[in-house]
Amino acid sequence: MFEMIAPCGLDCGVCDIHIAQERPEIAERLAKWFREHGHPEAEPGWFHCAGCPGDRVDHWSPDCEILKCCVDEHGKRYCSECAEFACARLETWAARSPKYGAALERLKSTRPAR
């Protein structure tokens, strides 16, 4: 299976939002969770994402601060390509969730020694 890694290190291939279009049961589970957590209007059709390299119109979070910093401001494909890696912004983001922490570790493990 082709692995699509986001600039922050998240693996899009296992992201529920990314695969929801192909898996209706996942889209329904996501909609249910969102309805239970303050978004009563959530529908399964909400959940789609072409990934960070894709069109921002079809991106789950086109205003993602990590995506904007890495791609728009620094012109990089991955945060690990940046001279400031791992910056405070990325470290703070990674501390918010074990999944985000694992993404940062993925980038650290693939970064060439400097």
PDB file of N, CA and C in Angstrom:
ATOM      1  N   MET A   1       0.834  -1.178   0.000  1.00  0.00           N
ATOM      2  CA  MET A   1       0.000   0.000   0.000  1.00  0.00           C
ATOM      3  C   MET A   1       0.885   1.250   0.000  1.00  0.00           C
ATOM      4  N   PHE A   2       0.540   2.210  -0.824  1.00  0.00           N
ATOM      5  CA  PHE A   2       1.280   3.465  -0.905  1.00  0.00           C
ATOM      6  C   PHE A   2       1.086   4.230   0.384  1.00  0.00           C
ATOM      7  N   GLU A   3       2.184   4.684   0.956  1.00  0.00           N
ATOM      8  CA  GLU A   3       2.124   5.441   2.197  1.00  0.00           C
ATOM      9  C   GLU A   3       2.210   6.928   1.874  1.00  0.00           C
ATOM     10  N   MET A   4       1.243   7.687   2.360  1.00  0.00           N
ATOM     11  CA  MET A   4       1.237   9.120   2.147  1.00  0.00           C
ATOM     12  C   MET A   4       1.455   9.782   3.500  1.00  0.00           C
ATOM     13  N   ILE A   5       2.574  10.465   3.625  1.00  0.00           N
ATOM     14  CA  ILE A   5       2.932  11.098   4.887  1.00  0.00           C
ATOM     15  C   ILE A   5       2.738  12.612   4.742  1.00  0.00           C
ATOM     16  N   ALA A   6       2.075  13.196   5.722  1.00  0.00           N
ATOM     17  CA  ALA A   6       1.838  14.639   5.754  1.00  0.00           C
ATOM     18  C   ALA A   6       3.118  15.364   6.159  1.00  0.00           C
ATOM     19  N   PRO A   7       3.210  16.671   5.910  1.00  0.00           N
ATOM     20  CA  PRO A   7       4.394  17.428   6.316  1.00  0.00           C
ATOM     21  C   PRO A   7       4.740  17.268   7.794  1.00  0.00           C
ATOM     22  N   CYS A   8       3.724  17.095   8.631  1.00  0.00           N
ATOM     23  CA  CYS A   8       3.926  16.953  10.075  1.00  0.00           C
ATOM     24  C   CYS A   8       4.322  15.540  10.486  1.00  0.00           C
ATOM     25  N   GLY A   9       4.236  14.593   9.557  1.00  0.00           N
ATOM     26  CA  GLY A   9       4.588  13.208   9.861  1.00  0.00           C
ATOM     27  C   GLY A   9       3.403  12.280  10.039  1.00  0.00           C
ATOM     28  N   LEU A  10       2.177  12.818  10.051  1.00  0.00           N
ATOM     29  CA  LEU A  10       1.005  11.942  10.156  1.00  0.00           C
ATOM     30  C   LEU A  10       0.930  11.035   8.938  1.00  0.00           C
ATOM     31  N   ASP A  11       0.527   9.787   9.146  1.00  0.00           N
ATOM     32  CA  ASP A  11       0.362   8.816   8.072  1.00  0.00           C
ATOM     33  C   ASP A  11      -1.075   8.893   7.569  1.00  0.00           C
ATOM     34  N   CYS A  12      -1.266   9.518   6.420  1.00  0.00           N
ATOM     35  CA  CYS A  12      -2.608   9.709   5.862  1.00  0.00           C
ATOM     36  C   CYS A  12      -3.284   8.372   5.546  1.00  0.00           C
ATOM     37  N   GLY A  13      -2.498   7.353   5.256  1.00  0.00           N
ATOM     38  CA  GLY A  13      -3.048   6.054   4.890  1.00  0.00           C
ATOM     39  C   GLY A  13      -3.843   5.385   5.995  1.00  0.00           C
ATOM     40  N   VAL A  14      -3.639   5.803   7.234  1.00  0.00           N
ATOM     41  CA  VAL A  14      -4.396   5.230   8.351  1.00  0.00           C
ATOM     42  C   VAL A  14      -5.295   6.268   9.015  1.00  0.00           C
ATOM     43  N   CYS A  15      -5.398   7.437   8.407  1.00  0.00           N
ATOM     44  CA  CYS A  15      -6.233   8.504   8.957  1.00  0.00           C
ATOM     45  C   CYS A  15      -7.698   8.264   8.605  1.00  0.00           C
ATOM     46  N   ASP A  16      -8.545   8.209   9.630  1.00  0.00           N
ATOM     47  CA  ASP A  16      -9.971   7.973   9.396  1.00  0.00           C
ATOM     48  C   ASP A  16     -10.583   9.000   8.460  1.00  0.00           C
ATOM     49  N   ILE A  17     -10.217  10.253   8.606  1.00  0.00           N
ATOM     50  CA  ILE A  17     -10.805  11.289   7.754  1.00  0.00           C
ATOM     51  C   ILE A  17     -10.374  11.078   6.303  1.00  0.00           C
ATOM     52  N   HIS A  18      -9.136  10.679   6.095  1.00  0.00           N
ATOM     53  CA  HIS A  18      -8.643  10.451   4.733  1.00  0.00           C
ATOM     54  C   HIS A  18      -9.325   9.250   4.070  1.00  0.00           C
ATOM     55  N   ILE A  19      -9.574   8.201   4.824  1.00  0.00           N
ATOM     56  CA  ILE A  19     -10.149   6.992   4.223  1.00  0.00           C
ATOM     57  C   ILE A  19     -11.675   6.918   4.327  1.00  0.00           C
ATOM     58  N   ALA A  20     -12.298   7.895   4.961  1.00  0.00           N
ATOM     59  CA  ALA A  20     -13.752   7.864   5.177  1.00  0.00           C
ATOM     60  C   ALA A  20     -14.555   7.808   3.889  1.00  0.00           C
ATOM     61  N   GLN A  21     -14.103   8.448   2.823  1.00  0.00           N
ATOM     62  CA  GLN A  21     -14.854   8.425   1.569  1.00  0.00           C
ATOM     63  C   GLN A  21     -14.993   7.017   1.013  1.00  0.00           C
ATOM     64  N   GLU A  22     -13.989   6.199   1.254  1.00  0.00           N
ATOM     65  CA  GLU A  22     -14.005   4.820   0.755  1.00  0.00           C
ATOM     66  C   GLU A  22     -14.624   3.842   1.746  1.00  0.00           C
ATOM     67  N   ARG A  23     -14.803   4.269   2.985  1.00  0.00           N
ATOM     68  CA  ARG A  23     -15.292   3.389   4.042  1.00  0.00           C
ATOM     69  C   ARG A  23     -16.481   4.046   4.752  1.00  0.00           C
ATOM     70  N   PRO A  24     -17.702   3.835   4.271  1.00  0.00           N
ATOM     71  CA  PRO A  24     -18.874   4.487   4.845  1.00  0.00           C
ATOM     72  C   PRO A  24     -19.051   4.256   6.344  1.00  0.00           C
ATOM     73  N   GLU A  25     -18.638   3.114   6.842  1.00  0.00           N
ATOM     74  CA  GLU A  25     -18.775   2.849   8.277  1.00  0.00           C
ATOM     75  C   GLU A  25     -17.881   3.776   9.100  1.00  0.00           C
ATOM     76  N   ILE A  26     -16.733   4.120   8.554  1.00  0.00           N
ATOM     77  CA  ILE A  26     -15.838   5.057   9.231  1.00  0.00           C
ATOM     78  C   ILE A  26     -16.428   6.462   9.183  1.00  0.00           C
ATOM     79  N   ALA A  27     -16.956   6.850   8.027  1.00  0.00           N
ATOM     80  CA  ALA A  27     -17.580   8.177   7.900  1.00  0.00           C
ATOM     81  C   ALA A  27     -18.741   8.320   8.881  1.00  0.00           C
ATOM     82  N   GLU A  28     -19.537   7.282   9.025  1.00  0.00           N
ATOM     83  CA  GLU A  28     -20.663   7.338   9.954  1.00  0.00           C
ATOM     84  C   GLU A  28     -20.179   7.417  11.402  1.00  0.00           C
ATOM     85  N   ARG A  29     -19.137   6.664  11.732  1.00  0.00           N
ATOM     86  CA  ARG A  29     -18.585   6.715  13.090  1.00  0.00           C
ATOM     87  C   ARG A  29     -18.042   8.110  13.399  1.00  0.00           C
ATOM     88  N   LEU A  30     -17.353   8.711  12.435  1.00  0.00           N
ATOM     89  CA  LEU A  30     -16.843  10.062  12.629  1.00  0.00           C
ATOM     90  C   LEU A  30     -17.984  11.066  12.828  1.00  0.00           C
ATOM     91  N   ALA A  31     -19.014  10.957  11.990  1.00  0.00           N
ATOM     92  CA  ALA A  31     -20.164  11.870  12.103  1.00  0.00           C
ATOM     93  C   ALA A  31     -20.820  11.723  13.472  1.00  0.00           C
ATOM     94  N   LYS A  32     -20.971  10.495  13.922  1.00  0.00           N
ATOM     95  CA  LYS A  32     -21.570  10.263  15.236  1.00  0.00           C
ATOM     96  C   LYS A  32     -20.726  10.910  16.329  1.00  0.00           C
ATOM     97  N   TRP A  33     -19.413  10.734  16.264  1.00  0.00           N
ATOM     98  CA  TRP A  33     -18.534  11.321  17.275  1.00  0.00           C
ATOM     99  C   TRP A  33     -18.661  12.843  17.265  1.00  0.00           C
ATOM    100  N   PHE A  34     -18.640  13.440  16.097  1.00  0.00           N
ATOM    101  CA  PHE A  34     -18.756  14.894  16.002  1.00  0.00           C
ATOM    102  C   PHE A  34     -20.106  15.379  16.521  1.00  0.00           C
ATOM    103  N   ARG A  35     -21.180  14.641  16.217  1.00  0.00           N
ATOM    104  CA  ARG A  35     -22.506  15.019  16.741  1.00  0.00           C
ATOM    105  C   ARG A  35     -22.520  14.969  18.262  1.00  0.00           C
ATOM    106  N   GLU A  36     -21.874  13.974  18.832  1.00  0.00           N
ATOM    107  CA  GLU A  36     -21.809  13.831  20.287  1.00  0.00           C
ATOM    108  C   GLU A  36     -20.896  14.865  20.946  1.00  0.00           C
ATOM    109  N   HIS A  37     -20.050  15.509  20.171  1.00  0.00           N
ATOM    110  CA  HIS A  37     -19.083  16.461  20.707  1.00  0.00           C
ATOM    111  C   HIS A  37     -19.302  17.882  20.182  1.00  0.00           C
ATOM    112  N   GLY A  38     -20.580  18.249  20.061  1.00  0.00           N
ATOM    113  CA  GLY A  38     -20.897  19.651  19.808  1.00  0.00           C
ATOM    114  C   GLY A  38     -21.164  20.066  18.381  1.00  0.00           C
ATOM    115  N   HIS A  39     -21.246  19.119  17.471  1.00  0.00           N
ATOM    116  CA  HIS A  39     -21.545  19.449  16.077  1.00  0.00           C
ATOM    117  C   HIS A  39     -22.761  18.637  15.622  1.00  0.00           C
ATOM    118  N   PRO A  40     -23.966  19.007  16.072  1.00  0.00           N
ATOM    119  CA  PRO A  40     -25.158  18.208  15.765  1.00  0.00           C
ATOM    120  C   PRO A  40     -25.457  18.098  14.274  1.00  0.00           C
ATOM    121  N   GLU A  41     -24.882  18.968  13.475  1.00  0.00           N
ATOM    122  CA  GLU A  41     -25.131  18.959  12.032  1.00  0.00           C
ATOM    123  C   GLU A  41     -24.179  18.037  11.265  1.00  0.00           C
ATOM    124  N   ALA A  42     -23.255  17.363  11.953  1.00  0.00           N
ATOM    125  CA  ALA A  42     -22.250  16.514  11.298  1.00  0.00           C
ATOM    126  C   ALA A  42     -22.913  15.401  10.492  1.00  0.00           C
ATOM    127  N   GLU A  43     -22.409  15.224   9.288  1.00  0.00           N
ATOM    128  CA  GLU A  43     -22.885  14.191   8.365  1.00  0.00           C
ATOM    129  C   GLU A  43     -21.690  13.402   7.838  1.00  0.00           C
ATOM    130  N   PRO A  44     -21.896  12.159   7.453  1.00  0.00           N
ATOM    131  CA  PRO A  44     -20.793  11.361   6.917  1.00  0.00           C
ATOM    132  C   PRO A  44     -20.085  12.018   5.727  1.00  0.00           C
ATOM    133  N   GLY A  45     -20.796  12.777   4.933  1.00  0.00           N
ATOM    134  CA  GLY A  45     -20.189  13.430   3.776  1.00  0.00           C
ATOM    135  C   GLY A  45     -19.185  14.519   4.111  1.00  0.00           C
ATOM    136  N   TRP A  46     -19.132  14.921   5.361  1.00  0.00           N
ATOM    137  CA  TRP A  46     -18.153  15.926   5.784  1.00  0.00           C
ATOM    138  C   TRP A  46     -16.722  15.432   5.636  1.00  0.00           C
ATOM    139  N   PHE A  47     -16.524  14.154   5.778  1.00  0.00           N
ATOM    140  CA  PHE A  47     -15.196  13.603   6.016  1.00  0.00           C
ATOM    141  C   PHE A  47     -14.533  13.132   4.737  1.00  0.00           C
ATOM    142  N   HIS A  48     -13.654  13.981   4.270  1.00  0.00           N
ATOM    143  CA  HIS A  48     -12.859  13.683   3.087  1.00  0.00           C
ATOM    144  C   HIS A  48     -11.611  14.545   3.130  1.00  0.00           C
ATOM    145  N   CYS A  49     -10.530  14.002   2.627  1.00  0.00           N
ATOM    146  CA  CYS A  49      -9.277  14.755   2.582  1.00  0.00           C
ATOM    147  C   CYS A  49      -8.382  14.104   1.540  1.00  0.00           C
ATOM    148  N   ALA A  50      -7.872  14.901   0.641  1.00  0.00           N
ATOM    149  CA  ALA A  50      -6.957  14.410  -0.390  1.00  0.00           C
ATOM    150  C   ALA A  50      -5.516  14.374   0.111  1.00  0.00           C
ATOM    151  N   GLY A  51      -5.309  14.816   1.340  1.00  0.00           N
ATOM    152  CA  GLY A  51      -3.964  14.846   1.900  1.00  0.00           C
ATOM    153  C   GLY A  51      -3.301  16.187   1.661  1.00  0.00           C
ATOM    154  N   CYS A  52      -2.246  16.440   2.377  1.00  0.00           N
ATOM    155  CA  CYS A  52      -1.563  17.738   2.297  1.00  0.00           C
ATOM    156  C   CYS A  52      -1.007  18.053   0.916  1.00  0.00           C
ATOM    157  N   PRO A  53      -0.497  17.061   0.178  1.00  0.00           N
ATOM    158  CA  PRO A  53       0.008  17.392  -1.160  1.00  0.00           C
ATOM    159  C   PRO A  53      -1.130  17.680  -2.152  1.00  0.00           C
ATOM    160  N   GLY A  54      -2.354  17.344  -1.780  1.00  0.00           N
ATOM    161  CA  GLY A  54      -3.493  17.538  -2.671  1.00  0.00           C
ATOM    162  C   GLY A  54      -4.005  18.962  -2.667  1.00  0.00           C
ATOM    163  N   ASP A  55      -5.107  19.133  -3.333  1.00  0.00           N
ATOM    164  CA  ASP A  55      -5.763  20.432  -3.445  1.00  0.00           C
ATOM    165  C   ASP A  55      -6.286  20.860  -2.080  1.00  0.00           C
ATOM    166  N   ARG A  56      -5.972  22.056  -1.660  1.00  0.00           N
ATOM    167  CA  ARG A  56      -6.423  22.543  -0.352  1.00  0.00           C
ATOM    168  C   ARG A  56      -7.941  22.645  -0.277  1.00  0.00           C
ATOM    169  N   VAL A  57      -8.604  22.749  -1.420  1.00  0.00           N
ATOM    170  CA  VAL A  57     -10.065  22.783  -1.416  1.00  0.00           C
ATOM    171  C   VAL A  57     -10.607  21.460  -0.880  1.00  0.00           C
ATOM    172  N   ASP A  58      -9.878  20.385  -1.114  1.00  0.00           N
ATOM    173  CA  ASP A  58     -10.300  19.058  -0.668  1.00  0.00           C
ATOM    174  C   ASP A  58      -9.426  18.564   0.482  1.00  0.00           C
ATOM    175  N   HIS A  59      -9.045  19.469   1.350  1.00  0.00           N
ATOM    176  CA  HIS A  59      -8.226  19.132   2.513  1.00  0.00           C
ATOM    177  C   HIS A  59      -9.065  19.330   3.764  1.00  0.00           C
ATOM    178  N   TRP A  60      -8.971  18.399   4.682  1.00  0.00           N
ATOM    179  CA  TRP A  60      -9.773  18.467   5.902  1.00  0.00           C
ATOM    180  C   TRP A  60      -9.484  19.741   6.684  1.00  0.00           C
ATOM    181  N   SER A  61      -8.236  20.138   6.731  1.00  0.00           N
ATOM    182  CA  SER A  61      -7.838  21.293   7.537  1.00  0.00           C
ATOM    183  C   SER A  61      -6.923  22.216   6.722  1.00  0.00           C
ATOM    184  N   PRO A  62      -7.486  22.913   5.730  1.00  0.00           N
ATOM    185  CA  PRO A  62      -6.640  23.736   4.857  1.00  0.00           C
ATOM    186  C   PRO A  62      -5.938  24.878   5.579  1.00  0.00           C
ATOM    187  N   ASP A  63      -6.414  25.224   6.777  1.00  0.00           N
ATOM    188  CA  ASP A  63      -5.781  26.302   7.531  1.00  0.00           C
ATOM    189  C   ASP A  63      -4.854  25.770   8.630  1.00  0.00           C
ATOM    190  N   CYS A  64      -4.436  24.521   8.536  1.00  0.00           N
ATOM    191  CA  CYS A  64      -3.545  23.905   9.511  1.00  0.00           C
ATOM    192  C   CYS A  64      -2.265  24.730   9.662  1.00  0.00           C
ATOM    193  N   GLU A  65      -1.942  25.098  10.884  1.00  0.00           N
ATOM    194  CA  GLU A  65      -0.764  25.936  11.125  1.00  0.00           C
ATOM    195  C   GLU A  65       0.532  25.234  10.742  1.00  0.00           C
ATOM    196  N   ILE A  66       0.590  23.930  10.898  1.00  0.00           N
ATOM    197  CA  ILE A  66       1.802  23.183  10.536  1.00  0.00           C
ATOM    198  C   ILE A  66       1.946  23.147   9.017  1.00  0.00           C
ATOM    199  N   LEU A  67       0.867  22.870   8.317  1.00  0.00           N
ATOM    200  CA  LEU A  67       0.876  22.844   6.849  1.00  0.00           C
ATOM    201  C   LEU A  67       1.275  24.208   6.290  1.00  0.00           C
ATOM    202  N   LYS A  68       0.666  25.266   6.804  1.00  0.00           N
ATOM    203  CA  LYS A  68       0.987  26.612   6.331  1.00  0.00           C
ATOM    204  C   LYS A  68       2.458  26.949   6.559  1.00  0.00           C
ATOM    205  N   CYS A  69       2.963  26.626   7.737  1.00  0.00           N
ATOM    206  CA  CYS A  69       4.354  26.930   8.066  1.00  0.00           C
ATOM    207  C   CYS A  69       5.303  26.151   7.151  1.00  0.00           C
ATOM    208  N   CYS A  70       5.124  24.851   7.091  1.00  0.00           N
ATOM    209  CA  CYS A  70       6.030  23.985   6.343  1.00  0.00           C
ATOM    210  C   CYS A  70       6.000  24.275   4.844  1.00  0.00           C
ATOM    211  N   VAL A  71       4.812  24.227   4.269  1.00  0.00           N
ATOM    212  CA  VAL A  71       4.678  24.319   2.816  1.00  0.00           C
ATOM    213  C   VAL A  71       4.651  25.769   2.333  1.00  0.00           C
ATOM    214  N   ASP A  72       3.755  26.568   2.904  1.00  0.00           N
ATOM    215  CA  ASP A  72       3.569  27.927   2.409  1.00  0.00           C
ATOM    216  C   ASP A  72       4.704  28.868   2.798  1.00  0.00           C
ATOM    217  N   GLU A  73       5.107  28.827   4.059  1.00  0.00           N
ATOM    218  CA  GLU A  73       6.122  29.775   4.530  1.00  0.00           C
ATOM    219  C   GLU A  73       7.554  29.336   4.240  1.00  0.00           C
ATOM    220  N   HIS A  74       7.813  28.004   4.323  1.00  0.00           N
ATOM    221  CA  HIS A  74       9.188  27.532   4.161  1.00  0.00           C
ATOM    222  C   HIS A  74       9.432  26.754   2.863  1.00  0.00           C
ATOM    223  N   GLY A  75       8.372  26.475   2.100  1.00  0.00           N
ATOM    224  CA  GLY A  75       8.529  25.794   0.822  1.00  0.00           C
ATOM    225  C   GLY A  75       9.057  24.381   0.926  1.00  0.00           C
ATOM    226  N   LYS A  76       8.744  23.691   2.021  1.00  0.00           N
ATOM    227  CA  LYS A  76       9.226  22.323   2.243  1.00  0.00           C
ATOM    228  C   LYS A  76       8.100  21.320   2.027  1.00  0.00           C
ATOM    229  N   ARG A  77       8.459  20.074   1.844  1.00  0.00           N
ATOM    230  CA  ARG A  77       7.470  18.982   1.747  1.00  0.00           C
ATOM    231  C   ARG A  77       7.197  18.401   3.133  1.00  0.00           C
ATOM    232  N   TYR A  78       8.247  18.304   3.953  1.00  0.00           N
ATOM    233  CA  TYR A  78       8.142  17.761   5.307  1.00  0.00           C
ATOM    234  C   TYR A  78       8.806  18.727   6.291  1.00  0.00           C
ATOM    235  N   CYS A  79       8.283  18.803   7.475  1.00  0.00           N
ATOM    236  CA  CYS A  79       8.872  19.650   8.512  1.00  0.00           C
ATOM    237  C   CYS A  79      10.328  19.274   8.766  1.00  0.00           C
ATOM    238  N   SER A  80      10.646  18.003   8.634  1.00  0.00           N
ATOM    239  CA  SER A  80      12.008  17.539   8.914  1.00  0.00           C
ATOM    240  C   SER A  80      13.040  18.078   7.931  1.00  0.00           C
ATOM    241  N   GLU A  81      12.602  18.667   6.828  1.00  0.00           N
ATOM    242  CA  GLU A  81      13.521  19.262   5.862  1.00  0.00           C
ATOM    243  C   GLU A  81      13.951  20.683   6.264  1.00  0.00           C
ATOM    244  N   CYS A  82      13.301  21.219   7.262  1.00  0.00           N
ATOM    245  CA  CYS A  82      13.526  22.597   7.681  1.00  0.00           C
ATOM    246  C   CYS A  82      14.735  22.699   8.619  1.00  0.00           C
ATOM    247  N   ALA A  83      15.484  23.773   8.480  1.00  0.00           N
ATOM    248  CA  ALA A  83      16.631  24.002   9.359  1.00  0.00           C
ATOM    249  C   ALA A  83      16.199  24.202  10.808  1.00  0.00           C
ATOM    250  N   GLU A  84      14.954  24.590  11.033  1.00  0.00           N
ATOM    251  CA  GLU A  84      14.446  24.835  12.384  1.00  0.00           C
ATOM    252  C   GLU A  84      13.808  23.591  13.022  1.00  0.00           C
ATOM    253  N   PHE A  85      13.847  22.465  12.338  1.00  0.00           N
ATOM    254  CA  PHE A  85      13.237  21.233  12.844  1.00  0.00           C
ATOM    255  C   PHE A  85      13.966  20.740  14.094  1.00  0.00           C
ATOM    256  N   ALA A  86      13.309  20.286  15.091  1.00  0.00           N
ATOM    257  CA  ALA A  86      11.886  20.373  15.370  1.00  0.00           C
ATOM    258  C   ALA A  86      11.641  21.656  16.161  1.00  0.00           C
ATOM    259  N   CYS A  87      10.893  22.534  15.576  1.00  0.00           N
ATOM    260  CA  CYS A  87      10.648  23.848  16.164  1.00  0.00           C
ATOM    261  C   CYS A  87       9.642  23.764  17.314  1.00  0.00           C
ATOM    262  N   ALA A  88       9.522  24.845  18.046  1.00  0.00           N
ATOM    263  CA  ALA A  88       8.597  24.893  19.189  1.00  0.00           C
ATOM    264  C   ALA A  88       7.159  24.674  18.741  1.00  0.00           C
ATOM    265  N   ARG A  89       6.783  25.207  17.582  1.00  0.00           N
ATOM    266  CA  ARG A  89       5.415  25.029  17.071  1.00  0.00           C
ATOM    267  C   ARG A  89       5.112  23.539  16.885  1.00  0.00           C
ATOM    268  N   LEU A  90       6.034  22.829  16.267  1.00  0.00           N
ATOM    269  CA  LEU A  90       5.835  21.403  16.012  1.00  0.00           C
ATOM    270  C   LEU A  90       5.866  20.605  17.309  1.00  0.00           C
ATOM    271  N   GLU A  91       6.758  20.935  18.201  1.00  0.00           N
ATOM    272  CA  GLU A  91       6.841  20.250  19.499  1.00  0.00           C
ATOM    273  C   GLU A  91       5.556  20.460  20.306  1.00  0.00           C
ATOM    274  N   THR A  92       5.041  21.676  20.310  1.00  0.00           N
ATOM    275  CA  THR A  92       3.791  21.973  21.032  1.00  0.00           C
ATOM    276  C   THR A  92       2.634  21.189  20.429  1.00  0.00           C
ATOM    277  N   TRP A  93       2.552  21.160  19.111  1.00  0.00           N
ATOM    278  CA  TRP A  93       1.514  20.398  18.411  1.00  0.00           C
ATOM    279  C   TRP A  93       1.631  18.914  18.765  1.00  0.00           C
ATOM    280  N   ALA A  94       2.837  18.367  18.717  1.00  0.00           N
ATOM    281  CA  ALA A  94       3.063  16.944  18.980  1.00  0.00           C
ATOM    282  C   ALA A  94       2.675  16.556  20.404  1.00  0.00           C
ATOM    283  N   ALA A  95       2.787  17.480  21.335  1.00  0.00           N
ATOM    284  CA  ALA A  95       2.450  17.196  22.737  1.00  0.00           C
ATOM    285  C   ALA A  95       0.941  17.115  22.968  1.00  0.00           C
ATOM    286  N   ARG A  96       0.145  17.528  22.018  1.00  0.00           N
ATOM    287  CA  ARG A  96      -1.318  17.539  22.186  1.00  0.00           C
ATOM    288  C   ARG A  96      -1.961  16.165  22.070  1.00  0.00           C
ATOM    289  N   SER A  97      -1.272  15.202  21.479  1.00  0.00           N
ATOM    290  CA  SER A  97      -1.884  13.899  21.236  1.00  0.00           C
ATOM    291  C   SER A  97      -0.806  12.842  21.031  1.00  0.00           C
ATOM    292  N   PRO A  98      -1.030  11.620  21.510  1.00  0.00           N
ATOM    293  CA  PRO A  98      -0.062  10.549  21.241  1.00  0.00           C
ATOM    294  C   PRO A  98       0.132  10.320  19.732  1.00  0.00           C
ATOM    295  N   LYS A  99      -0.938  10.467  18.968  1.00  0.00           N
ATOM    296  CA  LYS A  99      -0.850  10.302  17.513  1.00  0.00           C
ATOM    297  C   LYS A  99       0.066  11.366  16.909  1.00  0.00           C
ATOM    298  N   TYR A 100      -0.042  12.598  17.393  1.00  0.00           N
ATOM    299  CA  TYR A 100       0.819  13.672  16.910  1.00  0.00           C
ATOM    300  C   TYR A 100       2.263  13.450  17.354  1.00  0.00           C
ATOM    301  N   GLY A 101       2.431  12.972  18.573  1.00  0.00           N
ATOM    302  CA  GLY A 101       3.773  12.660  19.061  1.00  0.00           C
ATOM    303  C   GLY A 101       4.433  11.589  18.212  1.00  0.00           C
ATOM    304  N   ALA A 102       3.673  10.574  17.825  1.00  0.00           N
ATOM    305  CA  ALA A 102       4.200   9.508  16.970  1.00  0.00           C
ATOM    306  C   ALA A 102       4.569  10.063  15.592  1.00  0.00           C
ATOM    307  N   ALA A 103       3.796  11.020  15.103  1.00  0.00           N
ATOM    308  CA  ALA A 103       4.095  11.643  13.815  1.00  0.00           C
ATOM    309  C   ALA A 103       5.430  12.373  13.876  1.00  0.00           C
ATOM    310  N   LEU A 104       5.660  13.103  14.952  1.00  0.00           N
ATOM    311  CA  LEU A 104       6.930  13.810  15.110  1.00  0.00           C
ATOM    312  C   LEU A 104       8.088  12.812  15.187  1.00  0.00           C
ATOM    313  N   GLU A 105       7.899  11.737  15.921  1.00  0.00           N
ATOM    314  CA  GLU A 105       8.950  10.713  16.010  1.00  0.00           C
ATOM    315  C   GLU A 105       9.225  10.090  14.645  1.00  0.00           C
ATOM    316  N   ARG A 106       8.172   9.916  13.819  1.00  0.00           N
ATOM    317  CA  ARG A 106       8.345   9.379  12.473  1.00  0.00           C
ATOM    318  C   ARG A 106       9.269  10.304  11.677  1.00  0.00           C
ATOM    319  N   LEU A 107       9.026  11.601  11.775  1.00  0.00           N
ATOM    320  CA  LEU A 107       9.882  12.553  11.057  1.00  0.00           C
ATOM    321  C   LEU A 107      11.299  12.535  11.593  1.00  0.00           C
ATOM    322  N   LYS A 108      11.441  12.465  12.903  1.00  0.00           N
ATOM    323  CA  LYS A 108      12.783  12.435  13.498  1.00  0.00           C
ATOM    324  C   LYS A 108      13.554  11.209  13.043  1.00  0.00           C
ATOM    325  N   SER A 109      12.867  10.081  12.923  1.00  0.00           N
ATOM    326  CA  SER A 109      13.542   8.832  12.546  1.00  0.00           C
ATOM    327  C   SER A 109      13.964   8.798  11.087  1.00  0.00           C
ATOM    328  N   THR A 110      13.358   9.626  10.259  1.00  0.00           N
ATOM    329  CA  THR A 110      13.700   9.622   8.837  1.00  0.00           C
ATOM    330  C   THR A 110      14.602  10.795   8.452  1.00  0.00           C
ATOM    331  N   ARG A 111      14.893  11.661   9.415  1.00  0.00           N
ATOM    332  CA  ARG A 111      15.725  12.831   9.124  1.00  0.00           C
ATOM    333  C   ARG A 111      17.187  12.403   9.018  1.00  0.00           C
ATOM    334  N   PRO A 112      17.849  12.788   7.948  1.00  0.00           N
ATOM    335  CA  PRO A 112      19.278  12.457   7.837  1.00  0.00           C
ATOM    336  C   PRO A 112      20.079  13.167   8.936  1.00  0.00           C
ATOM    337  N   ALA A 113      21.127  12.533   9.370  1.00  0.00           N
ATOM    338  CA  ALA A 113      22.000  13.142  10.380  1.00  0.00           C
ATOM    339  C   ALA A 113      22.634  14.395   9.805  1.00  0.00           C
ATOM    340  N   ARG A 114      22.771  15.413  10.656  1.00  0.00           N
ATOM    341  CA  ARG A 114      23.364  16.686  10.183  1.00  0.00           C
ATOM    342  C   ARG A 114      24.650  16.937  10.904  1.00  0.00           C
TER     343      ARG A 114
END
